[in-house]
Amino acid sequence: MERHKGGGIVSQATKETHFKPRAWCIRIPRTYCGDLGHRNIGGFQTVVIAYDQRNAWESAMGSPDWEMLFFPVENISVFPTQPV
């Protein structure tokens, strides 16, 4: 009986990934903030420093600094301020 020889894809060792904190912009629509009484406000944004989108969102929820946006914001957005 012949021994089974391994075949197929062999994974290669990769370097461990080290993330660096970066600036993330978080935007939310005005509808998430209740009735503001001002129709020209489209939403709000803040910028936080975080390792990834999830941590950026969590940091933003505790941020006291939010900027009013005067253009329509339709969806919640979390994105890096400077893409790689």
N, C-alpha and C. Protein backbone atom coordinates (compact mmCIF):
# COMPACT_ATOMS: atom_id res chain seq x y z
N MET A 1 0.83 -1.17 0.00
CA MET A 1 0.00 0.00 0.00
C MET A 1 0.89 1.24 0.00
N GLU A 2 0.59 2.16 -0.88
CA GLU A 2 1.40 3.38 -1.01
C GLU A 2 0.90 4.46 -0.05
N ARG A 3 1.82 5.12 0.59
CA ARG A 3 1.45 6.19 1.50
C ARG A 3 0.92 7.38 0.72
N HIS A 4 -0.06 8.07 1.31
CA HIS A 4 -0.65 9.25 0.68
C HIS A 4 0.35 10.40 0.71
N LYS A 5 0.60 10.98 -0.41
CA LYS A 5 1.49 12.12 -0.49
C LYS A 5 0.63 13.38 -0.50
N GLY A 6 0.99 14.32 0.32
CA GLY A 6 0.24 15.58 0.40
C GLY A 6 0.34 16.34 -0.91
N GLY A 7 -0.71 16.96 -1.27
CA GLY A 7 -0.73 17.76 -2.48
C GLY A 7 -1.63 18.96 -2.28
N GLY A 8 -1.73 19.75 -3.25
CA GLY A 8 -2.61 20.91 -3.16
C GLY A 8 -1.86 22.15 -2.70
N ILE A 9 -2.59 23.04 -2.14
CA ILE A 9 -2.04 24.32 -1.73
C ILE A 9 -1.35 24.20 -0.38
N VAL A 10 -0.17 24.72 -0.32
CA VAL A 10 0.59 24.72 0.93
C VAL A 10 0.67 26.18 1.40
N SER A 11 0.23 26.43 2.61
CA SER A 11 0.28 27.81 3.10
C SER A 11 1.72 28.17 3.43
N GLN A 12 2.05 29.41 3.20
CA GLN A 12 3.38 29.90 3.49
C GLN A 12 3.33 30.78 4.72
N ALA A 13 4.40 30.78 5.44
CA ALA A 13 4.47 31.65 6.62
C ALA A 13 4.45 33.09 6.15
N THR A 14 3.64 33.89 6.81
CA THR A 14 3.58 35.31 6.48
C THR A 14 4.00 36.11 7.69
N LYS A 15 4.41 37.33 7.42
CA LYS A 15 4.79 38.21 8.52
C LYS A 15 3.55 38.62 9.29
N GLU A 16 3.72 38.77 10.58
CA GLU A 16 2.63 39.21 11.42
C GLU A 16 2.29 40.67 11.05
N THR A 17 1.01 40.94 10.90
CA THR A 17 0.58 42.27 10.52
C THR A 17 0.52 43.18 11.74
N HIS A 18 1.14 44.33 11.63
CA HIS A 18 1.10 45.32 12.70
C HIS A 18 0.34 46.53 12.19
N PHE A 19 -0.78 46.84 12.83
CA PHE A 19 -1.57 47.98 12.43
C PHE A 19 -1.09 49.23 13.15
N LYS A 20 -1.12 50.34 12.45
CA LYS A 20 -0.79 51.61 13.05
C LYS A 20 -2.06 52.44 13.13
N PRO A 21 -2.21 53.22 14.18
CA PRO A 21 -3.41 54.06 14.25
C PRO A 21 -3.39 55.10 13.14
N ARG A 22 -4.58 55.44 12.67
CA ARG A 22 -4.72 56.44 11.61
C ARG A 22 -5.98 57.25 11.84
N ALA A 23 -6.12 58.31 11.11
CA ALA A 23 -7.29 59.18 11.24
C ALA A 23 -8.46 58.61 10.44
N TRP A 24 -9.63 58.53 11.09
CA TRP A 24 -10.85 58.04 10.47
C TRP A 24 -11.93 59.12 10.57
N CYS A 25 -12.68 59.30 9.50
CA CYS A 25 -13.79 60.24 9.48
C CYS A 25 -15.09 59.44 9.63
N ILE A 26 -15.94 59.90 10.52
CA ILE A 26 -17.23 59.25 10.74
C ILE A 26 -18.31 60.28 10.43
N ARG A 27 -19.24 59.94 9.55
CA ARG A 27 -20.35 60.82 9.20
C ARG A 27 -21.67 60.15 9.52
N ILE A 28 -22.59 60.93 10.07
CA ILE A 28 -23.93 60.42 10.35
C ILE A 28 -24.97 61.39 9.78
N PRO A 29 -26.10 60.87 9.28
CA PRO A 29 -27.17 61.73 8.77
C PRO A 29 -27.85 62.51 9.89
N ARG A 30 -28.45 63.62 9.56
CA ARG A 30 -29.15 64.46 10.54
C ARG A 30 -30.32 63.73 11.17
N THR A 31 -30.90 62.76 10.47
CA THR A 31 -32.07 62.04 10.99
C THR A 31 -31.73 61.22 12.23
N TYR A 32 -30.46 60.93 12.46
CA TYR A 32 -30.05 60.18 13.64
C TYR A 32 -30.01 61.04 14.89
N CYS A 33 -30.23 62.34 14.72
CA CYS A 33 -30.09 63.28 15.84
C CYS A 33 -31.42 63.90 16.25
N GLY A 34 -32.52 63.37 15.76
CA GLY A 34 -33.82 63.92 16.13
C GLY A 34 -34.19 65.15 15.31
N ASP A 35 -35.20 65.87 15.74
CA ASP A 35 -35.67 67.06 15.04
C ASP A 35 -34.80 68.25 15.46
N LEU A 36 -33.97 68.73 14.54
CA LEU A 36 -33.04 69.81 14.86
C LEU A 36 -33.61 71.20 14.60
N GLY A 37 -34.66 71.28 13.81
CA GLY A 37 -35.26 72.56 13.52
C GLY A 37 -34.55 73.36 12.44
N HIS A 38 -33.41 72.89 11.96
CA HIS A 38 -32.67 73.58 10.89
C HIS A 38 -32.64 72.67 9.67
N ARG A 39 -33.23 73.09 8.61
CA ARG A 39 -33.30 72.26 7.40
C ARG A 39 -32.00 72.25 6.60
N ASN A 40 -31.12 73.22 6.84
CA ASN A 40 -29.90 73.28 6.04
C ASN A 40 -28.78 72.38 6.58
N ILE A 41 -28.99 71.73 7.71
CA ILE A 41 -27.99 70.79 8.25
C ILE A 41 -28.22 69.42 7.61
N GLY A 42 -27.18 68.90 6.95
CA GLY A 42 -27.31 67.61 6.28
C GLY A 42 -26.84 66.44 7.11
N GLY A 43 -26.00 66.71 8.09
CA GLY A 43 -25.47 65.65 8.92
C GLY A 43 -24.34 66.17 9.77
N PHE A 44 -23.59 65.24 10.35
CA PHE A 44 -22.50 65.59 11.24
C PHE A 44 -21.31 64.69 10.96
N GLN A 45 -20.11 65.19 11.28
CA GLN A 45 -18.92 64.36 11.14
C GLN A 45 -17.94 64.66 12.26
N THR A 46 -17.12 63.67 12.55
CA THR A 46 -16.02 63.83 13.49
C THR A 46 -14.85 63.01 12.96
N VAL A 47 -13.66 63.35 13.41
CA VAL A 47 -12.45 62.62 13.02
C VAL A 47 -11.81 62.10 14.30
N VAL A 48 -11.49 60.80 14.30
CA VAL A 48 -10.86 60.16 15.45
C VAL A 48 -9.63 59.39 14.99
N ILE A 49 -8.77 59.07 15.92
CA ILE A 49 -7.59 58.25 15.63
C ILE A 49 -7.88 56.84 16.16
N ALA A 50 -7.76 55.84 15.28
CA ALA A 50 -8.07 54.46 15.67
C ALA A 50 -7.30 53.49 14.77
N TYR A 51 -7.30 52.22 15.19
CA TYR A 51 -6.62 51.18 14.42
C TYR A 51 -7.46 50.65 13.26
N ASP A 52 -8.79 50.63 13.42
CA ASP A 52 -9.64 50.09 12.36
C ASP A 52 -11.02 50.74 12.44
N GLN A 53 -11.91 50.36 11.50
CA GLN A 53 -13.25 50.96 11.42
C GLN A 53 -14.06 50.75 12.70
N ARG A 54 -14.01 49.57 13.25
CA ARG A 54 -14.80 49.28 14.46
C ARG A 54 -14.37 50.16 15.62
N ASN A 55 -13.06 50.25 15.84
CA ASN A 55 -12.55 51.09 16.92
C ASN A 55 -12.82 52.57 16.65
N ALA A 56 -12.79 52.96 15.38
CA ALA A 56 -13.10 54.35 15.03
C ALA A 56 -14.55 54.68 15.38
N TRP A 57 -15.46 53.77 15.07
CA TRP A 57 -16.88 53.98 15.38
C TRP A 57 -17.08 54.11 16.89
N GLU A 58 -16.46 53.23 17.64
CA GLU A 58 -16.60 53.26 19.10
C GLU A 58 -16.02 54.55 19.68
N SER A 59 -14.90 55.00 19.15
CA SER A 59 -14.31 56.25 19.62
C SER A 59 -15.19 57.45 19.28
N ALA A 60 -15.79 57.41 18.11
CA ALA A 60 -16.64 58.52 17.67
C ALA A 60 -17.87 58.66 18.55
N MET A 61 -18.41 57.55 19.02
CA MET A 61 -19.61 57.62 19.86
C MET A 61 -19.33 58.31 21.19
N GLY A 62 -18.07 58.36 21.61
CA GLY A 62 -17.72 59.05 22.83
C GLY A 62 -17.14 60.44 22.59
N SER A 63 -17.08 60.86 21.33
CA SER A 63 -16.47 62.14 21.00
C SER A 63 -17.43 63.31 21.25
N PRO A 64 -16.97 64.35 21.92
CA PRO A 64 -17.81 65.53 22.12
C PRO A 64 -17.73 66.52 20.96
N ASP A 65 -16.81 66.29 20.02
CA ASP A 65 -16.58 67.23 18.92
C ASP A 65 -17.16 66.72 17.61
N TRP A 66 -18.30 67.29 17.23
CA TRP A 66 -18.94 66.94 15.97
C TRP A 66 -19.14 68.22 15.16
N GLU A 67 -18.82 68.13 13.88
CA GLU A 67 -18.94 69.27 12.97
C GLU A 67 -20.23 69.13 12.18
N MET A 68 -20.97 70.25 12.01
CA MET A 68 -22.18 70.24 11.19
C MET A 68 -21.79 70.25 9.72
N LEU A 69 -22.50 69.46 8.93
CA LEU A 69 -22.29 69.42 7.49
C LEU A 69 -23.49 70.04 6.80
N PHE A 70 -23.23 70.84 5.80
CA PHE A 70 -24.32 71.54 5.10
C PHE A 70 -24.60 70.94 3.73
N PHE A 71 -24.27 69.68 3.57
CA PHE A 71 -24.66 68.91 2.39
C PHE A 71 -25.33 67.63 2.89
N PRO A 72 -26.17 67.02 2.06
CA PRO A 72 -26.92 65.85 2.53
C PRO A 72 -26.01 64.65 2.82
N VAL A 73 -26.23 64.03 3.95
CA VAL A 73 -25.55 62.78 4.32
C VAL A 73 -26.64 61.72 4.38
N GLU A 74 -26.58 60.75 3.50
CA GLU A 74 -27.64 59.75 3.38
C GLU A 74 -27.42 58.53 4.28
N ASN A 75 -26.17 58.15 4.50
CA ASN A 75 -25.85 56.93 5.24
C ASN A 75 -24.74 57.19 6.24
N ILE A 76 -24.65 56.32 7.23
CA ILE A 76 -23.50 56.36 8.13
C ILE A 76 -22.27 55.93 7.35
N SER A 77 -21.19 56.68 7.50
CA SER A 77 -19.95 56.36 6.80
C SER A 77 -18.77 56.39 7.76
N VAL A 78 -17.90 55.42 7.64
CA VAL A 78 -16.66 55.38 8.40
C VAL A 78 -15.56 55.10 7.39
N PHE A 79 -14.64 56.05 7.22
CA PHE A 79 -13.60 55.89 6.21
C PHE A 79 -12.32 56.60 6.64
N PRO A 80 -11.16 56.11 6.15
CA PRO A 80 -9.91 56.76 6.51
C PRO A 80 -9.80 58.12 5.80
N THR A 81 -9.21 59.08 6.49
CA THR A 81 -9.07 60.41 5.89
C THR A 81 -8.01 60.42 4.79
N GLN A 82 -7.03 59.52 4.90
CA GLN A 82 -5.99 59.39 3.88
C GLN A 82 -5.85 57.92 3.52
N PRO A 83 -6.46 57.49 2.41
CA PRO A 83 -6.36 56.09 2.01
C PRO A 83 -4.90 55.68 1.77
N VAL A 84 -4.63 54.40 1.98
CA VAL A 84 -3.28 53.88 1.81
C VAL A 84 -2.93 53.84 0.35
